[in-house]
Amino acid sequence: MRFVLSSNNKGKLEEISKILTPLGINVCTLKDLGIEMQEPEETGKTFKENAKIKALAAYNLTGLPTIADDSGLEVDALGGKPGIYSARFAGENVSEQENAEKLLSELKNVPAPKRTARHVCCICCILPGGKEFFADGIINGSIALEQRGDQGFGYDSIFIFDTARTFAQIPIELKNKMSHRAKAINNLYNKLKSYINSGEV
């Protein structure tokens, strides 16, 4: 079965493919299909809503089973921000470094015990006929006092996941096995496996 990923991010493609391949699912990108798609406006108020917006955009273009995800960082001391605005927390078209620096600035007077946070990922999968699956993944942690490590991307250099290390201080391969996205993909795997075994496909 061919599934299309509503993203041209090679890292996401590799991560998702590795988990879903045992189900006989071949995941490709829109670029692999020779399709150019303008990024849909993410008007949703939740990760789930935005994931569905992105999945529907690709599904309507291809008619193929489609997978899309939306993810972000929620910080308790900021009332759950940046949340769905994680990629543009410091403004439109800003760098990941600027987003991380803004977050640290917002938390400059918050002591370590109150810097709890979590990475959240929601995946939407749409199958021909309109069948939808949603799968979530969460990893809890806290925000460091300063950036540490040089691996990963986004907020990895300030997200502490095991009381000591940030995501940017561990090998990418290890992070990919335990990340919020990996958890969401594994949850999707279980749902698709049950659906395929039911004979409804």
N, C-alpha and C. Protein backbone atom coordinates (compact mmCIF):
# COMPACT_ATOMS: atom_id res chain seq x y z
N MET A 1 0.84 -1.19 0.00
CA MET A 1 0.00 0.00 0.00
C MET A 1 0.87 1.24 0.00
N ARG A 2 0.54 2.20 -0.83
CA ARG A 2 1.29 3.45 -0.86
C ARG A 2 0.55 4.51 -0.06
N PHE A 3 1.26 5.13 0.86
CA PHE A 3 0.74 6.25 1.64
C PHE A 3 1.58 7.48 1.28
N VAL A 4 0.96 8.64 1.30
CA VAL A 4 1.70 9.88 1.04
C VAL A 4 1.80 10.69 2.32
N LEU A 5 2.98 11.20 2.58
CA LEU A 5 3.22 12.06 3.73
C LEU A 5 3.04 13.50 3.31
N SER A 6 2.19 14.22 4.03
CA SER A 6 1.91 15.62 3.69
C SER A 6 3.04 16.52 4.19
N SER A 7 4.25 16.19 3.74
CA SER A 7 5.45 16.93 4.12
C SER A 7 6.58 16.44 3.24
N ASN A 8 7.57 17.30 2.99
CA ASN A 8 8.76 16.88 2.25
C ASN A 8 9.95 16.73 3.18
N ASN A 9 9.68 16.67 4.49
CA ASN A 9 10.73 16.54 5.49
C ASN A 9 11.27 15.10 5.47
N LYS A 10 12.51 14.94 5.05
CA LYS A 10 13.11 13.61 4.91
C LYS A 10 13.24 12.90 6.26
N GLY A 11 13.49 13.68 7.32
CA GLY A 11 13.60 13.08 8.65
C GLY A 11 12.29 12.44 9.07
N LYS A 12 11.19 13.15 8.85
CA LYS A 12 9.87 12.61 9.18
C LYS A 12 9.58 11.37 8.33
N LEU A 13 9.93 11.45 7.05
CA LEU A 13 9.66 10.33 6.14
C LEU A 13 10.39 9.08 6.62
N GLU A 14 11.65 9.23 6.99
CA GLU A 14 12.43 8.08 7.44
C GLU A 14 11.87 7.49 8.74
N GLU A 15 11.49 8.39 9.66
CA GLU A 15 10.98 7.95 10.95
C GLU A 15 9.66 7.20 10.80
N ILE A 16 8.77 7.74 9.99
CA ILE A 16 7.46 7.13 9.78
C ILE A 16 7.58 5.82 8.98
N SER A 17 8.42 5.84 7.94
CA SER A 17 8.59 4.65 7.10
C SER A 17 9.11 3.47 7.91
N LYS A 18 10.08 3.73 8.77
CA LYS A 18 10.70 2.65 9.54
C LYS A 18 9.66 1.91 10.39
N ILE A 19 8.69 2.64 10.93
CA ILE A 19 7.70 2.03 11.81
C ILE A 19 6.55 1.38 11.03
N LEU A 20 6.15 1.98 9.90
CA LEU A 20 4.98 1.47 9.17
C LEU A 20 5.30 0.42 8.10
N THR A 21 6.56 0.32 7.69
CA THR A 21 6.94 -0.64 6.64
C THR A 21 6.51 -2.07 6.95
N PRO A 22 6.63 -2.55 8.21
CA PRO A 22 6.20 -3.93 8.51
C PRO A 22 4.74 -4.22 8.19
N LEU A 23 3.93 -3.17 8.04
CA LEU A 23 2.52 -3.36 7.69
C LEU A 23 2.32 -3.45 6.17
N GLY A 24 3.43 -3.39 5.42
CA GLY A 24 3.33 -3.40 3.97
C GLY A 24 3.00 -2.03 3.41
N ILE A 25 3.29 -0.99 4.21
CA ILE A 25 2.99 0.38 3.81
C ILE A 25 4.26 1.05 3.30
N ASN A 26 4.18 1.58 2.09
CA ASN A 26 5.28 2.32 1.48
C ASN A 26 4.94 3.81 1.54
N VAL A 27 5.68 4.56 2.35
CA VAL A 27 5.39 5.98 2.54
C VAL A 27 6.27 6.81 1.61
N CYS A 28 5.66 7.74 0.90
CA CYS A 28 6.40 8.64 0.02
C CYS A 28 5.97 10.08 0.28
N THR A 29 6.70 11.02 -0.26
CA THR A 29 6.35 12.43 -0.10
C THR A 29 5.63 12.92 -1.36
N LEU A 30 5.04 14.10 -1.26
CA LEU A 30 4.41 14.71 -2.42
C LEU A 30 5.45 14.95 -3.52
N LYS A 31 6.65 15.32 -3.11
CA LYS A 31 7.73 15.57 -4.07
C LYS A 31 8.07 14.31 -4.83
N ASP A 32 8.04 13.17 -4.13
CA ASP A 32 8.30 11.88 -4.80
C ASP A 32 7.28 11.62 -5.90
N LEU A 33 6.08 12.13 -5.72
CA LEU A 33 5.01 11.95 -6.70
C LEU A 33 5.00 13.03 -7.77
N GLY A 34 5.94 13.97 -7.65
CA GLY A 34 6.01 15.07 -8.61
C GLY A 34 4.92 16.10 -8.41
N ILE A 35 4.43 16.22 -7.18
CA ILE A 35 3.33 17.13 -6.87
C ILE A 35 3.82 18.29 -6.01
N GLU A 36 3.51 19.49 -6.44
CA GLU A 36 3.82 20.68 -5.65
C GLU A 36 2.54 21.11 -4.92
N MET A 37 2.63 21.32 -3.64
CA MET A 37 1.46 21.75 -2.87
C MET A 37 1.81 22.96 -2.03
N GLN A 38 0.97 23.97 -2.14
CA GLN A 38 1.16 25.14 -1.28
C GLN A 38 0.77 24.75 0.14
N GLU A 39 1.60 25.13 1.10
CA GLU A 39 1.31 24.80 2.48
C GLU A 39 -0.06 25.35 2.88
N PRO A 40 -0.96 24.51 3.37
CA PRO A 40 -2.29 25.02 3.77
C PRO A 40 -2.18 25.90 5.00
N GLU A 41 -3.08 26.85 5.12
CA GLU A 41 -3.09 27.72 6.29
C GLU A 41 -3.57 26.93 7.50
N GLU A 42 -2.77 26.95 8.54
CA GLU A 42 -3.10 26.19 9.75
C GLU A 42 -4.01 27.03 10.64
N THR A 43 -5.30 26.90 10.39
CA THR A 43 -6.29 27.72 11.10
C THR A 43 -6.89 27.01 12.31
N GLY A 44 -6.45 25.79 12.56
CA GLY A 44 -6.98 25.04 13.70
C GLY A 44 -6.54 25.61 15.03
N LYS A 45 -7.27 25.25 16.07
CA LYS A 45 -6.95 25.72 17.42
C LYS A 45 -6.28 24.64 18.26
N THR A 46 -6.12 23.45 17.65
CA THR A 46 -5.46 22.34 18.35
C THR A 46 -4.50 21.64 17.38
N PHE A 47 -3.60 20.83 17.93
CA PHE A 47 -2.71 20.04 17.08
C PHE A 47 -3.52 19.12 16.19
N LYS A 48 -4.59 18.53 16.74
CA LYS A 48 -5.42 17.60 15.99
C LYS A 48 -6.06 18.28 14.78
N GLU A 49 -6.59 19.47 14.99
CA GLU A 49 -7.25 20.20 13.90
C GLU A 49 -6.25 20.56 12.80
N ASN A 50 -5.06 21.00 13.18
CA ASN A 50 -4.06 21.38 12.18
C ASN A 50 -3.52 20.16 11.44
N ALA A 51 -3.37 19.04 12.14
CA ALA A 51 -2.93 17.81 11.47
C ALA A 51 -3.94 17.40 10.41
N LYS A 52 -5.23 17.52 10.73
CA LYS A 52 -6.26 17.15 9.77
C LYS A 52 -6.26 18.09 8.57
N ILE A 53 -6.06 19.38 8.81
CA ILE A 53 -6.01 20.35 7.71
C ILE A 53 -4.91 19.96 6.72
N LYS A 54 -3.74 19.60 7.24
CA LYS A 54 -2.61 19.24 6.38
C LYS A 54 -2.85 17.91 5.67
N ALA A 55 -3.45 16.96 6.38
CA ALA A 55 -3.73 15.66 5.77
C ALA A 55 -4.76 15.79 4.65
N LEU A 56 -5.80 16.56 4.90
CA LEU A 56 -6.86 16.75 3.89
C LEU A 56 -6.32 17.41 2.63
N ALA A 57 -5.43 18.38 2.80
CA ALA A 57 -4.87 19.09 1.65
C ALA A 57 -4.15 18.12 0.71
N ALA A 58 -3.35 17.22 1.28
CA ALA A 58 -2.63 16.25 0.46
C ALA A 58 -3.56 15.16 -0.08
N TYR A 59 -4.52 14.75 0.74
CA TYR A 59 -5.46 13.72 0.30
C TYR A 59 -6.30 14.21 -0.89
N ASN A 60 -6.74 15.45 -0.83
CA ASN A 60 -7.55 15.99 -1.92
C ASN A 60 -6.76 16.12 -3.21
N LEU A 61 -5.44 16.25 -3.10
CA LEU A 61 -4.59 16.35 -4.29
C LEU A 61 -4.30 14.98 -4.90
N THR A 62 -4.15 13.97 -4.04
CA THR A 62 -3.67 12.67 -4.52
C THR A 62 -4.70 11.55 -4.51
N GLY A 63 -5.65 11.61 -3.60
CA GLY A 63 -6.61 10.52 -3.45
C GLY A 63 -6.00 9.30 -2.78
N LEU A 64 -4.73 9.41 -2.37
CA LEU A 64 -4.03 8.31 -1.72
C LEU A 64 -4.19 8.39 -0.20
N PRO A 65 -4.00 7.28 0.49
CA PRO A 65 -3.96 7.34 1.95
C PRO A 65 -2.90 8.37 2.36
N THR A 66 -3.25 9.24 3.27
CA THR A 66 -2.39 10.37 3.60
C THR A 66 -2.11 10.45 5.09
N ILE A 67 -0.88 10.83 5.42
CA ILE A 67 -0.47 11.02 6.81
C ILE A 67 0.07 12.44 6.97
N ALA A 68 -0.35 13.11 8.04
CA ALA A 68 0.19 14.43 8.36
C ALA A 68 0.29 14.55 9.88
N ASP A 69 1.21 15.36 10.33
CA ASP A 69 1.33 15.55 11.78
C ASP A 69 1.44 17.03 12.12
N ASP A 70 1.08 17.34 13.34
CA ASP A 70 1.30 18.68 13.87
C ASP A 70 1.84 18.49 15.28
N SER A 71 2.84 19.26 15.62
CA SER A 71 3.46 19.07 16.93
C SER A 71 3.96 20.39 17.48
N GLY A 72 4.27 20.38 18.77
CA GLY A 72 4.76 21.59 19.39
C GLY A 72 5.10 21.38 20.85
N LEU A 73 5.52 22.44 21.47
CA LEU A 73 5.97 22.42 22.86
C LEU A 73 4.98 23.18 23.74
N GLU A 74 4.56 22.58 24.83
CA GLU A 74 3.67 23.24 25.78
C GLU A 74 4.41 23.45 27.10
N VAL A 75 4.45 24.69 27.55
CA VAL A 75 5.16 25.04 28.79
C VAL A 75 4.14 25.48 29.84
N ASP A 76 4.11 24.79 30.97
CA ASP A 76 3.10 25.06 32.00
C ASP A 76 3.14 26.48 32.53
N ALA A 77 4.34 27.01 32.76
CA ALA A 77 4.47 28.35 33.31
C ALA A 77 3.98 29.43 32.36
N LEU A 78 3.82 29.07 31.09
CA LEU A 78 3.32 30.01 30.07
C LEU A 78 1.89 29.68 29.66
N GLY A 79 1.21 28.90 30.49
CA GLY A 79 -0.18 28.56 30.20
C GLY A 79 -0.34 27.66 28.99
N GLY A 80 0.69 26.86 28.70
CA GLY A 80 0.61 25.95 27.56
C GLY A 80 1.23 26.49 26.29
N LYS A 81 1.70 27.74 26.31
CA LYS A 81 2.38 28.29 25.14
C LYS A 81 3.78 27.69 25.05
N PRO A 82 4.38 27.69 23.85
CA PRO A 82 3.87 28.21 22.57
C PRO A 82 2.84 27.33 21.87
N GLY A 83 2.72 26.05 22.26
CA GLY A 83 1.67 25.20 21.70
C GLY A 83 1.67 25.12 20.19
N ILE A 84 0.51 25.34 19.58
CA ILE A 84 0.40 25.23 18.13
C ILE A 84 1.19 26.31 17.41
N TYR A 85 1.66 27.30 18.14
CA TYR A 85 2.46 28.38 17.53
C TYR A 85 3.95 28.18 17.75
N SER A 86 4.37 26.96 18.09
CA SER A 86 5.76 26.69 18.42
C SER A 86 6.73 27.09 17.31
N ALA A 87 6.35 26.84 16.05
CA ALA A 87 7.26 27.13 14.93
C ALA A 87 7.37 28.61 14.64
N ARG A 88 6.44 29.40 15.16
CA ARG A 88 6.47 30.84 14.90
C ARG A 88 6.29 31.65 16.18
N PHE A 89 6.83 31.12 17.27
CA PHE A 89 6.67 31.76 18.58
C PHE A 89 7.27 33.15 18.60
N ALA A 90 8.40 33.33 17.94
CA ALA A 90 9.07 34.63 17.92
C ALA A 90 8.65 35.48 16.73
N GLY A 91 7.68 34.99 15.95
CA GLY A 91 7.20 35.74 14.79
C GLY A 91 7.23 34.89 13.54
N GLU A 92 6.72 35.43 12.44
CA GLU A 92 6.71 34.70 11.17
C GLU A 92 8.11 34.68 10.56
N ASN A 93 8.44 33.59 9.90
CA ASN A 93 9.71 33.45 9.19
C ASN A 93 10.94 33.69 10.07
N VAL A 94 10.88 33.20 11.31
CA VAL A 94 12.02 33.35 12.21
C VAL A 94 12.79 32.02 12.28
N SER A 95 13.98 32.07 12.81
CA SER A 95 14.80 30.87 12.93
C SER A 95 14.43 30.08 14.19
N GLU A 96 14.81 28.82 14.20
CA GLU A 96 14.58 27.98 15.39
C GLU A 96 15.33 28.56 16.59
N GLN A 97 16.50 29.12 16.31
CA GLN A 97 17.29 29.74 17.38
C GLN A 97 16.54 30.90 18.02
N GLU A 98 15.88 31.71 17.20
CA GLU A 98 15.13 32.86 17.72
C GLU A 98 13.95 32.40 18.57
N ASN A 99 13.31 31.33 18.15
CA ASN A 99 12.20 30.78 18.94
C ASN A 99 12.69 30.30 20.31
N ALA A 100 13.81 29.59 20.32
CA ALA A 100 14.37 29.08 21.57
C ALA A 100 14.78 30.22 22.50
N GLU A 101 15.39 31.24 21.92
CA GLU A 101 15.83 32.39 22.72
C GLU A 101 14.64 33.14 23.31
N LYS A 102 13.56 33.26 22.54
CA LYS A 102 12.38 33.95 23.06
C LYS A 102 11.78 33.17 24.22
N LEU A 103 11.74 31.85 24.08
CA LEU A 103 11.18 31.03 25.14
C LEU A 103 12.00 31.16 26.42
N LEU A 104 13.32 31.12 26.30
CA LEU A 104 14.18 31.28 27.47
C LEU A 104 13.97 32.65 28.10
N SER A 105 13.78 33.65 27.27
CA SER A 105 13.55 35.01 27.78
C SER A 105 12.25 35.10 28.56
N GLU A 106 11.22 34.44 28.05
CA GLU A 106 9.91 34.44 28.72
C GLU A 106 9.98 33.75 30.08
N LEU A 107 10.94 32.83 30.22
CA LEU A 107 11.05 32.05 31.46
C LEU A 107 12.21 32.50 32.36
N LYS A 108 12.79 33.65 32.06
CA LYS A 108 14.02 34.05 32.76
C LYS A 108 13.86 34.17 34.28
N ASN A 109 12.66 34.45 34.76
CA ASN A 109 12.44 34.57 36.21
C ASN A 109 11.73 33.36 36.82
N VAL A 110 11.62 32.29 36.02
CA VAL A 110 10.92 31.09 36.49
C VAL A 110 11.95 30.08 36.98
N PRO A 111 11.87 29.64 38.25
CA PRO A 111 12.84 28.69 38.79
C PRO A 111 12.68 27.29 38.17
N ALA A 112 13.75 26.51 38.24
CA ALA A 112 13.78 25.18 37.60
C ALA A 112 12.59 24.30 37.94
N PRO A 113 12.15 24.21 39.20
CA PRO A 113 11.02 23.31 39.52
C PRO A 113 9.71 23.67 38.83
N LYS A 114 9.60 24.92 38.38
CA LYS A 114 8.34 25.37 37.76
C LYS A 114 8.45 25.47 36.24
N ARG A 115 9.50 24.88 35.67
CA ARG A 115 9.71 24.97 34.23
C ARG A 115 9.25 23.70 33.50
N THR A 116 8.26 23.02 34.06
CA THR A 116 7.76 21.79 33.45
C THR A 116 7.15 22.05 32.07
N ALA A 117 7.31 21.07 31.20
CA ALA A 117 6.83 21.22 29.83
C ALA A 117 6.63 19.85 29.19
N ARG A 118 6.07 19.85 28.01
CA ARG A 118 5.90 18.58 27.28
C ARG A 118 5.92 18.86 25.78
N HIS A 119 6.45 17.90 25.04
CA HIS A 119 6.37 17.91 23.59
C HIS A 119 5.16 17.07 23.20
N VAL A 120 4.33 17.60 22.31
CA VAL A 120 3.10 16.93 21.89
C VAL A 120 3.09 16.76 20.37
N CYS A 121 2.65 15.59 19.92
CA CYS A 121 2.50 15.35 18.48
C CYS A 121 1.15 14.69 18.23
N CYS A 122 0.46 15.15 17.22
CA CYS A 122 -0.79 14.50 16.79
C CYS A 122 -0.67 14.18 15.31
N ILE A 123 -0.98 12.94 14.96
CA ILE A 123 -0.95 12.49 13.57
C ILE A 123 -2.37 12.24 13.09
N CYS A 124 -2.65 12.68 11.87
CA CYS A 124 -3.93 12.39 11.22
C CYS A 124 -3.64 11.53 10.00
N CYS A 125 -4.37 10.45 9.86
CA CYS A 125 -4.26 9.57 8.69
C CYS A 125 -5.63 9.47 8.05
N ILE A 126 -5.70 9.77 6.76
CA ILE A 126 -6.96 9.69 6.03
C ILE A 126 -6.84 8.62 4.95
N LEU A 127 -7.79 7.68 4.93
CA LEU A 127 -7.80 6.61 3.93
C LEU A 127 -8.87 6.90 2.88
N PRO A 128 -8.70 6.35 1.68
CA PRO A 128 -9.74 6.51 0.65
C PRO A 128 -11.10 6.11 1.20
N GLY A 129 -12.08 6.93 0.90
CA GLY A 129 -13.41 6.70 1.45
C GLY A 129 -13.67 7.58 2.65
N GLY A 130 -12.62 8.26 3.11
CA GLY A 130 -12.79 9.22 4.19
C GLY A 130 -12.55 8.70 5.59
N LYS A 131 -12.14 7.43 5.73
CA LYS A 131 -11.85 6.89 7.06
C LYS A 131 -10.67 7.65 7.67
N GLU A 132 -10.83 8.11 8.93
CA GLU A 132 -9.79 8.90 9.59
C GLU A 132 -9.29 8.20 10.84
N PHE A 133 -7.98 8.33 11.05
CA PHE A 133 -7.36 7.85 12.27
C PHE A 133 -6.55 9.00 12.88
N PHE A 134 -6.59 9.12 14.19
CA PHE A 134 -5.77 10.10 14.89
C PHE A 134 -4.94 9.37 15.93
N ALA A 135 -3.69 9.79 16.08
CA ALA A 135 -2.80 9.16 17.05
C ALA A 135 -1.95 10.24 17.72
N ASP A 136 -1.86 10.18 19.04
CA ASP A 136 -1.11 11.18 19.79
C ASP A 136 0.15 10.60 20.42
N GLY A 137 1.09 11.49 20.68
CA GLY A 137 2.30 11.11 21.40
C GLY A 137 2.76 12.27 22.26
N ILE A 138 3.11 12.00 23.50
CA ILE A 138 3.54 13.05 24.44
C ILE A 138 4.79 12.59 25.17
N ILE A 139 5.74 13.50 25.35
CA ILE A 139 6.88 13.22 26.22
C ILE A 139 7.04 14.40 27.18
N ASN A 140 7.04 14.09 28.45
CA ASN A 140 7.13 15.13 29.48
C ASN A 140 8.58 15.46 29.81
N GLY A 141 8.80 16.69 30.24
CA GLY A 141 10.14 17.13 30.60
C GLY A 141 10.10 18.51 31.22
N SER A 142 11.15 19.28 31.00
CA SER A 142 11.22 20.64 31.53
C SER A 142 12.12 21.48 30.64
N ILE A 143 12.12 22.78 30.88
CA ILE A 143 12.92 23.70 30.08
C ILE A 143 14.20 24.06 30.82
N ALA A 144 15.33 23.90 30.15
CA ALA A 144 16.64 24.19 30.75
C ALA A 144 16.80 25.69 30.99
N LEU A 145 17.78 26.04 31.78
CA LEU A 145 18.07 27.45 32.06
C LEU A 145 18.83 28.10 30.91
N GLU A 146 19.52 27.26 30.12
CA GLU A 146 20.22 27.76 28.94
C GLU A 146 20.31 26.63 27.92
N GLN A 147 20.66 26.98 26.71
CA GLN A 147 20.76 25.98 25.65
C GLN A 147 21.95 25.06 25.88
N ARG A 148 21.72 23.74 25.61
CA ARG A 148 22.78 22.76 25.78
C ARG A 148 22.70 21.71 24.68
N GLY A 149 23.83 21.39 24.08
CA GLY A 149 23.88 20.35 23.06
C GLY A 149 23.80 20.90 21.65
N ASP A 150 24.21 20.09 20.69
CA ASP A 150 24.23 20.55 19.29
C ASP A 150 23.56 19.56 18.34
N GLN A 151 22.77 18.62 18.88
CA GLN A 151 22.03 17.67 18.03
C GLN A 151 20.60 18.19 17.84
N GLY A 152 19.90 17.59 16.89
CA GLY A 152 18.47 17.88 16.75
C GLY A 152 18.15 19.22 16.14
N PHE A 153 16.94 19.70 16.46
CA PHE A 153 16.45 20.95 15.88
C PHE A 153 15.36 21.52 16.76
N GLY A 154 14.76 22.62 16.34
CA GLY A 154 13.66 23.22 17.10
C GLY A 154 14.06 23.60 18.51
N TYR A 155 13.31 23.08 19.48
CA TYR A 155 13.56 23.39 20.89
C TYR A 155 14.41 22.32 21.58
N ASP A 156 15.04 21.44 20.80
CA ASP A 156 15.79 20.32 21.38
C ASP A 156 16.87 20.77 22.37
N SER A 157 17.49 21.91 22.11
CA SER A 157 18.61 22.35 22.96
C SER A 157 18.17 22.86 24.32
N ILE A 158 16.87 23.05 24.52
CA ILE A 158 16.40 23.55 25.82
C ILE A 158 15.38 22.62 26.48
N PHE A 159 15.05 21.50 25.82
CA PHE A 159 14.07 20.57 26.39
C PHE A 159 14.79 19.43 27.11
N ILE A 160 14.65 19.40 28.44
CA ILE A 160 15.25 18.34 29.26
C ILE A 160 14.23 17.21 29.41
N PHE A 161 14.65 15.99 29.07
CA PHE A 161 13.69 14.88 29.09
C PHE A 161 13.97 13.86 30.19
N ASP A 162 15.14 13.88 30.81
CA ASP A 162 15.43 12.85 31.82
C ASP A 162 16.11 13.43 33.06
N THR A 163 15.74 14.63 33.41
CA THR A 163 16.26 15.37 34.58
C THR A 163 17.65 15.95 34.37
N ALA A 164 18.35 15.53 33.33
CA ALA A 164 19.72 16.02 33.15
C ALA A 164 20.02 16.46 31.73
N ARG A 165 19.69 15.61 30.76
CA ARG A 165 20.08 15.88 29.38
C ARG A 165 18.95 16.52 28.56
N THR A 166 19.35 17.37 27.62
CA THR A 166 18.39 17.90 26.66
C THR A 166 18.35 16.96 25.46
N PHE A 167 17.34 17.11 24.63
CA PHE A 167 17.25 16.31 23.41
C PHE A 167 18.46 16.55 22.52
N ALA A 168 19.06 17.74 22.62
CA ALA A 168 20.21 18.08 21.77
C ALA A 168 21.51 17.47 22.28
N GLN A 169 21.46 16.80 23.43
CA GLN A 169 22.66 16.20 24.01
C GLN A 169 22.70 14.68 23.82
N ILE A 170 21.75 14.13 23.08
CA ILE A 170 21.75 12.68 22.83
C ILE A 170 21.74 12.43 21.33
N PRO A 171 22.18 11.25 20.89
CA PRO A 171 22.17 10.95 19.45
C PRO A 171 20.77 11.03 18.88
N ILE A 172 20.68 11.50 17.66
CA ILE A 172 19.38 11.65 17.00
C ILE A 172 18.64 10.31 16.95
N GLU A 173 19.39 9.21 16.74
CA GLU A 173 18.76 7.89 16.65
C GLU A 173 18.02 7.55 17.95
N LEU A 174 18.62 7.91 19.08
CA LEU A 174 17.98 7.64 20.37
C LEU A 174 16.77 8.52 20.56
N LYS A 175 16.90 9.78 20.22
CA LYS A 175 15.76 10.70 20.34
C LYS A 175 14.58 10.22 19.50
N ASN A 176 14.87 9.76 18.28
CA ASN A 176 13.80 9.33 17.38
C ASN A 176 13.06 8.11 17.90
N LYS A 177 13.69 7.32 18.76
CA LYS A 177 13.04 6.14 19.32
C LYS A 177 12.09 6.49 20.46
N MET A 178 12.31 7.64 21.11
CA MET A 178 11.54 7.95 22.31
C MET A 178 10.77 9.27 22.22
N SER A 179 10.86 9.93 21.09
CA SER A 179 10.23 11.24 20.95
C SER A 179 8.71 11.17 20.92
N HIS A 180 8.09 12.32 21.06
CA HIS A 180 6.64 12.44 20.97
C HIS A 180 6.14 11.96 19.61
N ARG A 181 6.91 12.25 18.54
CA ARG A 181 6.49 11.81 17.21
C ARG A 181 6.59 10.29 17.09
N ALA A 182 7.66 9.71 17.64
CA ALA A 182 7.80 8.25 17.59
C ALA A 182 6.65 7.58 18.33
N LYS A 183 6.25 8.14 19.47
CA LYS A 183 5.13 7.57 20.22
C LYS A 183 3.84 7.66 19.41
N ALA A 184 3.64 8.80 18.74
CA ALA A 184 2.42 8.98 17.93
C ALA A 184 2.42 8.01 16.75
N ILE A 185 3.57 7.82 16.10
CA ILE A 185 3.65 6.91 14.96
C ILE A 185 3.37 5.48 15.41
N ASN A 186 3.92 5.10 16.55
CA ASN A 186 3.67 3.75 17.07
C ASN A 186 2.20 3.54 17.40
N ASN A 187 1.55 4.59 17.93
CA ASN A 187 0.11 4.50 18.19
C ASN A 187 -0.66 4.35 16.88
N LEU A 188 -0.22 5.08 15.84
CA LEU A 188 -0.86 4.95 14.53
C LEU A 188 -0.66 3.54 13.97
N TYR A 189 0.55 3.01 14.14
CA TYR A 189 0.85 1.64 13.70
C TYR A 189 -0.16 0.65 14.28
N ASN A 190 -0.39 0.76 15.58
CA ASN A 190 -1.31 -0.17 16.25
C ASN A 190 -2.73 -0.04 15.72
N LYS A 191 -3.15 1.20 15.44
CA LYS A 191 -4.51 1.41 14.93
C LYS A 191 -4.64 0.87 13.50
N LEU A 192 -3.63 1.13 12.67
CA LEU A 192 -3.68 0.65 11.29
C LEU A 192 -3.59 -0.88 11.24
N LYS A 193 -2.77 -1.44 12.11
CA LYS A 193 -2.63 -2.90 12.15
C LYS A 193 -3.97 -3.56 12.47
N SER A 194 -4.68 -3.01 13.47
CA SER A 194 -6.00 -3.55 13.84
C SER A 194 -6.99 -3.41 12.68
N TYR A 195 -6.91 -2.26 12.00
CA TYR A 195 -7.84 -2.01 10.89
C TYR A 195 -7.55 -2.97 9.73
N ILE A 196 -6.27 -3.17 9.41
CA ILE A 196 -5.90 -4.07 8.32
C ILE A 196 -6.29 -5.50 8.66
N ASN A 197 -6.05 -5.90 9.90
CA ASN A 197 -6.38 -7.28 10.32
C ASN A 197 -7.88 -7.52 10.37
N SER A 198 -8.66 -6.44 10.47
CA SER A 198 -10.12 -6.59 10.52
C SER A 198 -10.69 -6.93 9.14
N GLY A 199 -9.85 -6.73 8.11
CA GLY A 199 -10.29 -7.04 6.76
C GLY A 199 -11.12 -5.95 6.11
N GLU A 200 -11.17 -4.77 6.75
CA GLU A 200 -11.98 -3.68 6.18
C GLU A 200 -11.25 -2.92 5.08
N VAL A 201 -9.94 -3.13 4.95
CA VAL A 201 -9.17 -2.38 3.96
C VAL A 201 -9.54 -2.84 2.55
